[in-house]
Amino acid sequence: MTYPYFIAGPAAAVLMAASGAASAGDAIHGQALYKTMCMSCHSIDYNGVGPAHKGVFGRKAGSAAGYGYSPAVKSSAIVWSEKTLDLWLTNPEKLIPGQKMGYMVPSAQDRADLIAYLQQEGARASPATAAK
């Protein structure tokens, strides 16, 4: 007779890292990553070199107002979710050939943390709407 088992503690972390599986995202670490990896081109609230990330979840790719997307992104059928953002951050060109973002996030955990931060910020009121 076999019994189910589980592994906890450091051994589980080693197995997860070896398998490439990321644990749940950490929004606090994601915020730090966003500041160092993303803010040279993006803002949560405003378009810059890249589009604003406010409200990205559930939004069709290439549809944020006031940003000049590549034709490839505008014509894609992608809707941003945890899964599509993970694929995007893994390799934007593979997800949407012809796009113009030249940056990848190779770490699955970093991607999960960035996505958790974007989810948290999506629930926050923007400065323009908070003032009303």
N, C-alpha and C. Protein backbone atom coordinates (compact mmCIF):
# COMPACT_ATOMS: atom_id res chain seq x y z
N MET A 1 0.85 -1.18 0.00
CA MET A 1 0.00 0.00 0.00
C MET A 1 0.89 1.24 0.00
N THR A 2 0.56 2.22 -0.87
CA THR A 2 1.33 3.45 -0.89
C THR A 2 0.53 4.55 -0.23
N TYR A 3 1.23 5.47 0.33
CA TYR A 3 0.60 6.60 1.01
C TYR A 3 0.98 7.89 0.30
N PRO A 4 0.06 8.82 0.20
CA PRO A 4 0.43 10.12 -0.37
C PRO A 4 1.39 10.84 0.58
N TYR A 5 2.23 11.64 0.04
CA TYR A 5 3.16 12.38 0.88
C TYR A 5 3.29 13.79 0.35
N PHE A 6 3.84 14.63 1.18
CA PHE A 6 4.14 15.98 0.74
C PHE A 6 5.49 16.36 1.31
N ILE A 7 6.08 17.34 0.68
CA ILE A 7 7.38 17.84 1.12
C ILE A 7 7.19 19.28 1.51
N ALA A 8 7.66 19.65 2.67
CA ALA A 8 7.53 21.03 3.13
C ALA A 8 8.92 21.58 3.43
N GLY A 9 8.97 22.87 3.64
CA GLY A 9 10.20 23.52 4.04
C GLY A 9 11.19 23.68 2.91
N PRO A 10 12.49 23.73 3.24
CA PRO A 10 13.52 23.98 2.24
C PRO A 10 13.52 22.96 1.11
N ALA A 11 13.21 21.71 1.40
CA ALA A 11 13.20 20.69 0.34
C ALA A 11 12.16 21.03 -0.72
N ALA A 12 11.00 21.53 -0.28
CA ALA A 12 9.95 21.91 -1.24
C ALA A 12 10.42 23.07 -2.11
N ALA A 13 11.10 24.04 -1.50
CA ALA A 13 11.59 25.18 -2.27
C ALA A 13 12.60 24.73 -3.32
N VAL A 14 13.47 23.80 -2.97
CA VAL A 14 14.45 23.28 -3.91
C VAL A 14 13.75 22.56 -5.05
N LEU A 15 12.75 21.72 -4.73
CA LEU A 15 12.02 21.00 -5.77
C LEU A 15 11.26 21.96 -6.68
N MET A 16 10.62 22.97 -6.09
CA MET A 16 9.89 23.94 -6.92
C MET A 16 10.85 24.69 -7.83
N ALA A 17 12.00 25.11 -7.29
CA ALA A 17 12.97 25.82 -8.11
C ALA A 17 13.48 24.93 -9.23
N ALA A 18 13.73 23.67 -8.92
CA ALA A 18 14.22 22.74 -9.93
C ALA A 18 13.18 22.49 -11.01
N SER A 19 11.89 22.51 -10.64
CA SER A 19 10.85 22.25 -11.62
C SER A 19 10.47 23.49 -12.42
N GLY A 20 10.96 24.67 -11.99
CA GLY A 20 10.62 25.91 -12.68
C GLY A 20 9.31 26.50 -12.21
N ALA A 21 8.66 25.89 -11.23
CA ALA A 21 7.38 26.39 -10.74
C ALA A 21 7.60 27.58 -9.83
N ALA A 22 6.82 28.62 -10.01
CA ALA A 22 6.90 29.79 -9.16
C ALA A 22 5.82 29.70 -8.10
N SER A 23 6.16 30.19 -6.92
CA SER A 23 5.14 30.24 -5.88
C SER A 23 4.27 31.47 -6.12
N ALA A 24 3.28 31.64 -5.28
CA ALA A 24 2.39 32.79 -5.42
C ALA A 24 3.21 34.07 -5.42
N GLY A 25 2.73 35.05 -6.15
CA GLY A 25 3.46 36.30 -6.28
C GLY A 25 3.47 37.11 -5.00
N ASP A 26 4.55 37.84 -4.80
CA ASP A 26 4.76 38.73 -3.66
C ASP A 26 4.71 40.16 -4.20
N ALA A 27 3.61 40.87 -3.94
CA ALA A 27 3.41 42.22 -4.48
C ALA A 27 4.46 43.21 -3.97
N ILE A 28 4.93 43.03 -2.74
CA ILE A 28 5.95 43.94 -2.20
C ILE A 28 7.25 43.79 -2.99
N HIS A 29 7.67 42.54 -3.21
CA HIS A 29 8.86 42.33 -4.03
C HIS A 29 8.60 42.77 -5.47
N GLY A 30 7.38 42.54 -5.95
CA GLY A 30 7.02 42.97 -7.29
C GLY A 30 7.14 44.47 -7.48
N GLN A 31 6.78 45.23 -6.44
CA GLN A 31 6.91 46.69 -6.50
C GLN A 31 8.38 47.09 -6.65
N ALA A 32 9.25 46.45 -5.88
CA ALA A 32 10.68 46.74 -5.98
C ALA A 32 11.20 46.38 -7.38
N LEU A 33 10.77 45.24 -7.90
CA LEU A 33 11.16 44.85 -9.25
C LEU A 33 10.64 45.83 -10.29
N TYR A 34 9.39 46.25 -10.12
CA TYR A 34 8.79 47.20 -11.07
C TYR A 34 9.63 48.48 -11.13
N LYS A 35 10.05 48.96 -9.96
CA LYS A 35 10.84 50.20 -9.91
C LYS A 35 12.18 50.03 -10.62
N THR A 36 12.80 48.86 -10.49
CA THR A 36 14.12 48.67 -11.10
C THR A 36 14.07 48.15 -12.53
N MET A 37 13.03 47.39 -12.88
CA MET A 37 12.99 46.76 -14.19
C MET A 37 12.06 47.46 -15.19
N CYS A 38 11.02 48.09 -14.71
CA CYS A 38 9.95 48.54 -15.61
C CYS A 38 9.82 50.06 -15.73
N MET A 39 10.16 50.78 -14.65
CA MET A 39 9.84 52.21 -14.61
C MET A 39 10.65 53.08 -15.57
N SER A 40 11.69 52.54 -16.18
CA SER A 40 12.40 53.35 -17.18
C SER A 40 11.54 53.55 -18.42
N CYS A 41 10.53 52.68 -18.61
CA CYS A 41 9.64 52.80 -19.77
C CYS A 41 8.17 52.92 -19.39
N HIS A 42 7.77 52.39 -18.23
CA HIS A 42 6.36 52.31 -17.85
C HIS A 42 6.06 53.06 -16.56
N SER A 43 4.78 53.37 -16.40
CA SER A 43 4.23 53.90 -15.16
C SER A 43 2.93 53.15 -14.93
N ILE A 44 2.51 53.08 -13.69
CA ILE A 44 1.21 52.49 -13.41
C ILE A 44 0.12 53.39 -13.99
N ASP A 45 0.25 54.69 -13.80
CA ASP A 45 -0.83 55.62 -14.12
C ASP A 45 -0.72 56.36 -15.45
N TYR A 46 0.48 56.46 -16.02
CA TYR A 46 0.66 57.31 -17.21
C TYR A 46 1.43 56.59 -18.31
N ASN A 47 1.08 56.89 -19.56
CA ASN A 47 1.84 56.38 -20.70
C ASN A 47 3.20 57.06 -20.74
N GLY A 48 4.19 56.33 -21.13
CA GLY A 48 5.54 56.85 -21.32
C GLY A 48 6.09 56.22 -22.58
N VAL A 49 7.31 55.71 -22.50
CA VAL A 49 7.87 54.95 -23.62
C VAL A 49 6.99 53.72 -23.86
N GLY A 50 6.49 53.15 -22.76
CA GLY A 50 5.54 52.03 -22.82
C GLY A 50 4.19 52.49 -22.26
N PRO A 51 3.14 51.70 -22.47
CA PRO A 51 1.81 52.10 -21.99
C PRO A 51 1.69 52.00 -20.47
N ALA A 52 0.74 52.76 -19.92
CA ALA A 52 0.43 52.69 -18.49
C ALA A 52 -0.11 51.31 -18.15
N HIS A 53 0.20 50.85 -16.96
CA HIS A 53 -0.25 49.53 -16.54
C HIS A 53 -1.52 49.54 -15.71
N LYS A 54 -2.03 50.69 -15.36
CA LYS A 54 -3.27 50.76 -14.58
C LYS A 54 -4.39 50.10 -15.38
N GLY A 55 -5.08 49.18 -14.75
CA GLY A 55 -6.21 48.51 -15.40
C GLY A 55 -5.82 47.51 -16.47
N VAL A 56 -4.61 47.00 -16.42
CA VAL A 56 -4.15 46.09 -17.47
C VAL A 56 -4.92 44.76 -17.45
N PHE A 57 -5.33 44.27 -16.27
CA PHE A 57 -6.03 42.99 -16.21
C PHE A 57 -7.41 43.08 -16.84
N GLY A 58 -7.66 42.18 -17.79
CA GLY A 58 -8.93 42.15 -18.50
C GLY A 58 -8.99 43.08 -19.70
N ARG A 59 -7.92 43.84 -19.92
CA ARG A 59 -7.87 44.78 -21.05
C ARG A 59 -7.29 44.07 -22.26
N LYS A 60 -7.86 44.36 -23.42
CA LYS A 60 -7.32 43.83 -24.67
C LYS A 60 -5.98 44.50 -24.95
N ALA A 61 -5.01 43.70 -25.35
CA ALA A 61 -3.70 44.24 -25.68
C ALA A 61 -3.84 45.30 -26.78
N GLY A 62 -3.11 46.38 -26.63
CA GLY A 62 -3.12 47.43 -27.64
C GLY A 62 -4.29 48.38 -27.56
N SER A 63 -5.00 48.39 -26.43
CA SER A 63 -6.21 49.21 -26.36
C SER A 63 -6.18 50.33 -25.32
N ALA A 64 -5.08 50.51 -24.61
CA ALA A 64 -5.02 51.61 -23.63
C ALA A 64 -5.02 52.93 -24.38
N ALA A 65 -5.86 53.84 -23.94
CA ALA A 65 -6.01 55.14 -24.61
C ALA A 65 -4.71 55.93 -24.60
N GLY A 66 -4.44 56.58 -25.72
CA GLY A 66 -3.34 57.52 -25.80
C GLY A 66 -1.96 56.93 -25.99
N TYR A 67 -1.86 55.64 -26.24
CA TYR A 67 -0.54 55.06 -26.44
C TYR A 67 -0.41 54.55 -27.88
N GLY A 68 0.75 54.77 -28.49
CA GLY A 68 1.01 54.35 -29.87
C GLY A 68 1.59 52.94 -29.94
N TYR A 69 0.71 51.96 -29.95
CA TYR A 69 1.13 50.56 -30.01
C TYR A 69 1.63 50.17 -31.40
N SER A 70 2.41 49.11 -31.45
CA SER A 70 2.82 48.54 -32.73
C SER A 70 1.59 47.93 -33.39
N PRO A 71 1.58 47.85 -34.72
CA PRO A 71 0.46 47.20 -35.41
C PRO A 71 0.25 45.76 -34.93
N ALA A 72 1.34 45.06 -34.59
CA ALA A 72 1.23 43.67 -34.13
C ALA A 72 0.42 43.58 -32.84
N VAL A 73 0.68 44.46 -31.89
CA VAL A 73 -0.04 44.43 -30.61
C VAL A 73 -1.49 44.88 -30.82
N LYS A 74 -1.69 45.94 -31.62
CA LYS A 74 -3.05 46.42 -31.88
C LYS A 74 -3.92 45.34 -32.50
N SER A 75 -3.35 44.54 -33.37
CA SER A 75 -4.16 43.55 -34.08
C SER A 75 -4.22 42.19 -33.37
N SER A 76 -3.54 42.05 -32.24
CA SER A 76 -3.56 40.77 -31.53
C SER A 76 -4.91 40.58 -30.85
N ALA A 77 -5.21 39.35 -30.51
CA ALA A 77 -6.45 39.02 -29.80
C ALA A 77 -6.19 38.79 -28.32
N ILE A 78 -5.00 39.14 -27.85
CA ILE A 78 -4.60 38.91 -26.45
C ILE A 78 -5.43 39.78 -25.51
N VAL A 79 -5.89 39.17 -24.43
CA VAL A 79 -6.50 39.91 -23.31
C VAL A 79 -5.60 39.62 -22.12
N TRP A 80 -5.20 40.68 -21.41
CA TRP A 80 -4.23 40.53 -20.34
C TRP A 80 -4.82 39.86 -19.11
N SER A 81 -4.15 38.79 -18.70
CA SER A 81 -4.50 38.00 -17.52
C SER A 81 -3.18 37.57 -16.88
N GLU A 82 -3.25 36.86 -15.76
CA GLU A 82 -2.02 36.34 -15.16
C GLU A 82 -1.25 35.49 -16.17
N LYS A 83 -1.96 34.63 -16.87
CA LYS A 83 -1.31 33.72 -17.82
C LYS A 83 -0.70 34.48 -19.00
N THR A 84 -1.45 35.39 -19.60
CA THR A 84 -0.92 36.09 -20.78
C THR A 84 0.20 37.05 -20.38
N LEU A 85 0.11 37.68 -19.21
CA LEU A 85 1.20 38.53 -18.76
C LEU A 85 2.45 37.72 -18.48
N ASP A 86 2.29 36.52 -17.92
CA ASP A 86 3.43 35.66 -17.69
C ASP A 86 4.09 35.28 -19.02
N LEU A 87 3.30 34.93 -20.00
CA LEU A 87 3.84 34.60 -21.32
C LEU A 87 4.53 35.81 -21.95
N TRP A 88 3.91 36.98 -21.80
CA TRP A 88 4.47 38.22 -22.33
C TRP A 88 5.82 38.53 -21.70
N LEU A 89 5.87 38.48 -20.37
CA LEU A 89 7.12 38.79 -19.68
C LEU A 89 8.20 37.75 -19.92
N THR A 90 7.79 36.51 -20.21
CA THR A 90 8.75 35.45 -20.53
C THR A 90 9.44 35.75 -21.85
N ASN A 91 8.65 36.13 -22.86
CA ASN A 91 9.21 36.42 -24.18
C ASN A 91 8.15 37.15 -25.01
N PRO A 92 8.16 38.49 -24.96
CA PRO A 92 7.15 39.27 -25.69
C PRO A 92 7.09 38.95 -27.18
N GLU A 93 8.24 38.78 -27.80
CA GLU A 93 8.28 38.54 -29.24
C GLU A 93 7.67 37.19 -29.61
N LYS A 94 7.82 36.21 -28.74
CA LYS A 94 7.22 34.90 -29.00
C LYS A 94 5.70 34.98 -28.90
N LEU A 95 5.20 35.76 -27.93
CA LEU A 95 3.75 35.88 -27.76
C LEU A 95 3.11 36.70 -28.87
N ILE A 96 3.72 37.84 -29.20
CA ILE A 96 3.19 38.71 -30.26
C ILE A 96 4.35 39.13 -31.16
N PRO A 97 4.62 38.34 -32.20
CA PRO A 97 5.71 38.71 -33.13
C PRO A 97 5.48 40.09 -33.73
N GLY A 98 6.54 40.90 -33.74
CA GLY A 98 6.45 42.24 -34.31
C GLY A 98 6.16 43.32 -33.29
N GLN A 99 6.00 42.96 -32.03
CA GLN A 99 5.79 43.95 -30.97
C GLN A 99 7.08 44.74 -30.77
N LYS A 100 7.06 45.78 -29.92
CA LYS A 100 8.27 46.60 -29.79
C LYS A 100 8.91 46.60 -28.41
N MET A 101 8.46 45.74 -27.48
CA MET A 101 9.11 45.68 -26.17
C MET A 101 10.32 44.74 -26.26
N GLY A 102 11.47 45.26 -25.95
CA GLY A 102 12.69 44.47 -26.06
C GLY A 102 13.23 44.00 -24.72
N TYR A 103 12.36 43.60 -23.82
CA TYR A 103 12.78 43.22 -22.48
C TYR A 103 12.06 41.95 -22.05
N MET A 104 12.80 41.03 -21.41
CA MET A 104 12.22 39.78 -20.91
C MET A 104 12.55 39.64 -19.42
N VAL A 105 11.71 38.91 -18.71
CA VAL A 105 11.94 38.61 -17.30
C VAL A 105 12.11 37.09 -17.20
N PRO A 106 13.35 36.61 -17.12
CA PRO A 106 13.58 35.17 -17.17
C PRO A 106 13.12 34.40 -15.94
N SER A 107 13.09 35.03 -14.77
CA SER A 107 12.74 34.33 -13.54
C SER A 107 11.23 34.19 -13.38
N ALA A 108 10.75 32.95 -13.23
CA ALA A 108 9.32 32.71 -13.03
C ALA A 108 8.82 33.39 -11.76
N GLN A 109 9.64 33.39 -10.71
CA GLN A 109 9.21 34.02 -9.46
C GLN A 109 9.14 35.54 -9.62
N ASP A 110 10.09 36.13 -10.31
CA ASP A 110 10.04 37.58 -10.55
C ASP A 110 8.80 37.94 -11.36
N ARG A 111 8.48 37.13 -12.37
CA ARG A 111 7.26 37.39 -13.15
C ARG A 111 6.03 37.32 -12.26
N ALA A 112 5.95 36.30 -11.40
CA ALA A 112 4.80 36.15 -10.50
C ALA A 112 4.71 37.35 -9.56
N ASP A 113 5.85 37.84 -9.08
CA ASP A 113 5.86 38.98 -8.17
C ASP A 113 5.43 40.26 -8.89
N LEU A 114 5.92 40.47 -10.10
CA LEU A 114 5.49 41.64 -10.88
C LEU A 114 3.99 41.59 -11.17
N ILE A 115 3.49 40.45 -11.52
CA ILE A 115 2.06 40.29 -11.82
C ILE A 115 1.23 40.55 -10.56
N ALA A 116 1.68 40.06 -9.41
CA ALA A 116 0.98 40.32 -8.15
C ALA A 116 0.94 41.82 -7.86
N TYR A 117 2.03 42.51 -8.12
CA TYR A 117 2.07 43.96 -7.93
C TYR A 117 1.10 44.67 -8.88
N LEU A 118 1.10 44.27 -10.14
CA LEU A 118 0.17 44.89 -11.10
C LEU A 118 -1.28 44.65 -10.71
N GLN A 119 -1.58 43.47 -10.19
CA GLN A 119 -2.95 43.18 -9.72
C GLN A 119 -3.31 44.09 -8.55
N GLN A 120 -2.38 44.24 -7.61
CA GLN A 120 -2.62 45.11 -6.46
C GLN A 120 -2.85 46.55 -6.90
N GLU A 121 -2.01 47.03 -7.79
CA GLU A 121 -2.12 48.42 -8.25
C GLU A 121 -3.37 48.64 -9.09
N GLY A 122 -3.83 47.60 -9.77
CA GLY A 122 -5.04 47.72 -10.57
C GLY A 122 -6.26 48.00 -9.72
N ALA A 123 -6.21 47.61 -8.47
CA ALA A 123 -7.34 47.82 -7.56
C ALA A 123 -7.29 49.20 -6.90
N ARG A 124 -6.17 49.88 -7.03
CA ARG A 124 -5.96 51.19 -6.41
C ARG A 124 -6.51 52.29 -7.32
N ALA A 125 -7.09 53.33 -6.73
CA ALA A 125 -7.61 54.46 -7.50
C ALA A 125 -6.46 55.24 -8.12
N SER A 126 -6.63 55.70 -9.36
CA SER A 126 -5.60 56.52 -9.99
C SER A 126 -5.65 57.93 -9.42
N PRO A 127 -4.55 58.71 -9.51
CA PRO A 127 -4.56 60.07 -9.00
C PRO A 127 -5.67 60.92 -9.60
N ALA A 128 -5.97 60.73 -10.88
CA ALA A 128 -6.99 61.53 -11.55
C ALA A 128 -8.38 61.24 -10.98
N THR A 129 -8.68 59.96 -10.69
CA THR A 129 -10.00 59.62 -10.18
C THR A 129 -10.09 59.82 -8.67
N ALA A 130 -8.96 59.73 -7.97
CA ALA A 130 -8.98 59.90 -6.51
C ALA A 130 -9.27 61.36 -6.15
N ALA A 131 -8.89 62.30 -7.03
CA ALA A 131 -9.09 63.72 -6.75
C ALA A 131 -10.54 64.15 -6.93
N LYS A 132 -11.35 63.34 -7.59
CA LYS A 132 -12.74 63.73 -7.87
C LYS A 132 -13.64 63.49 -6.69
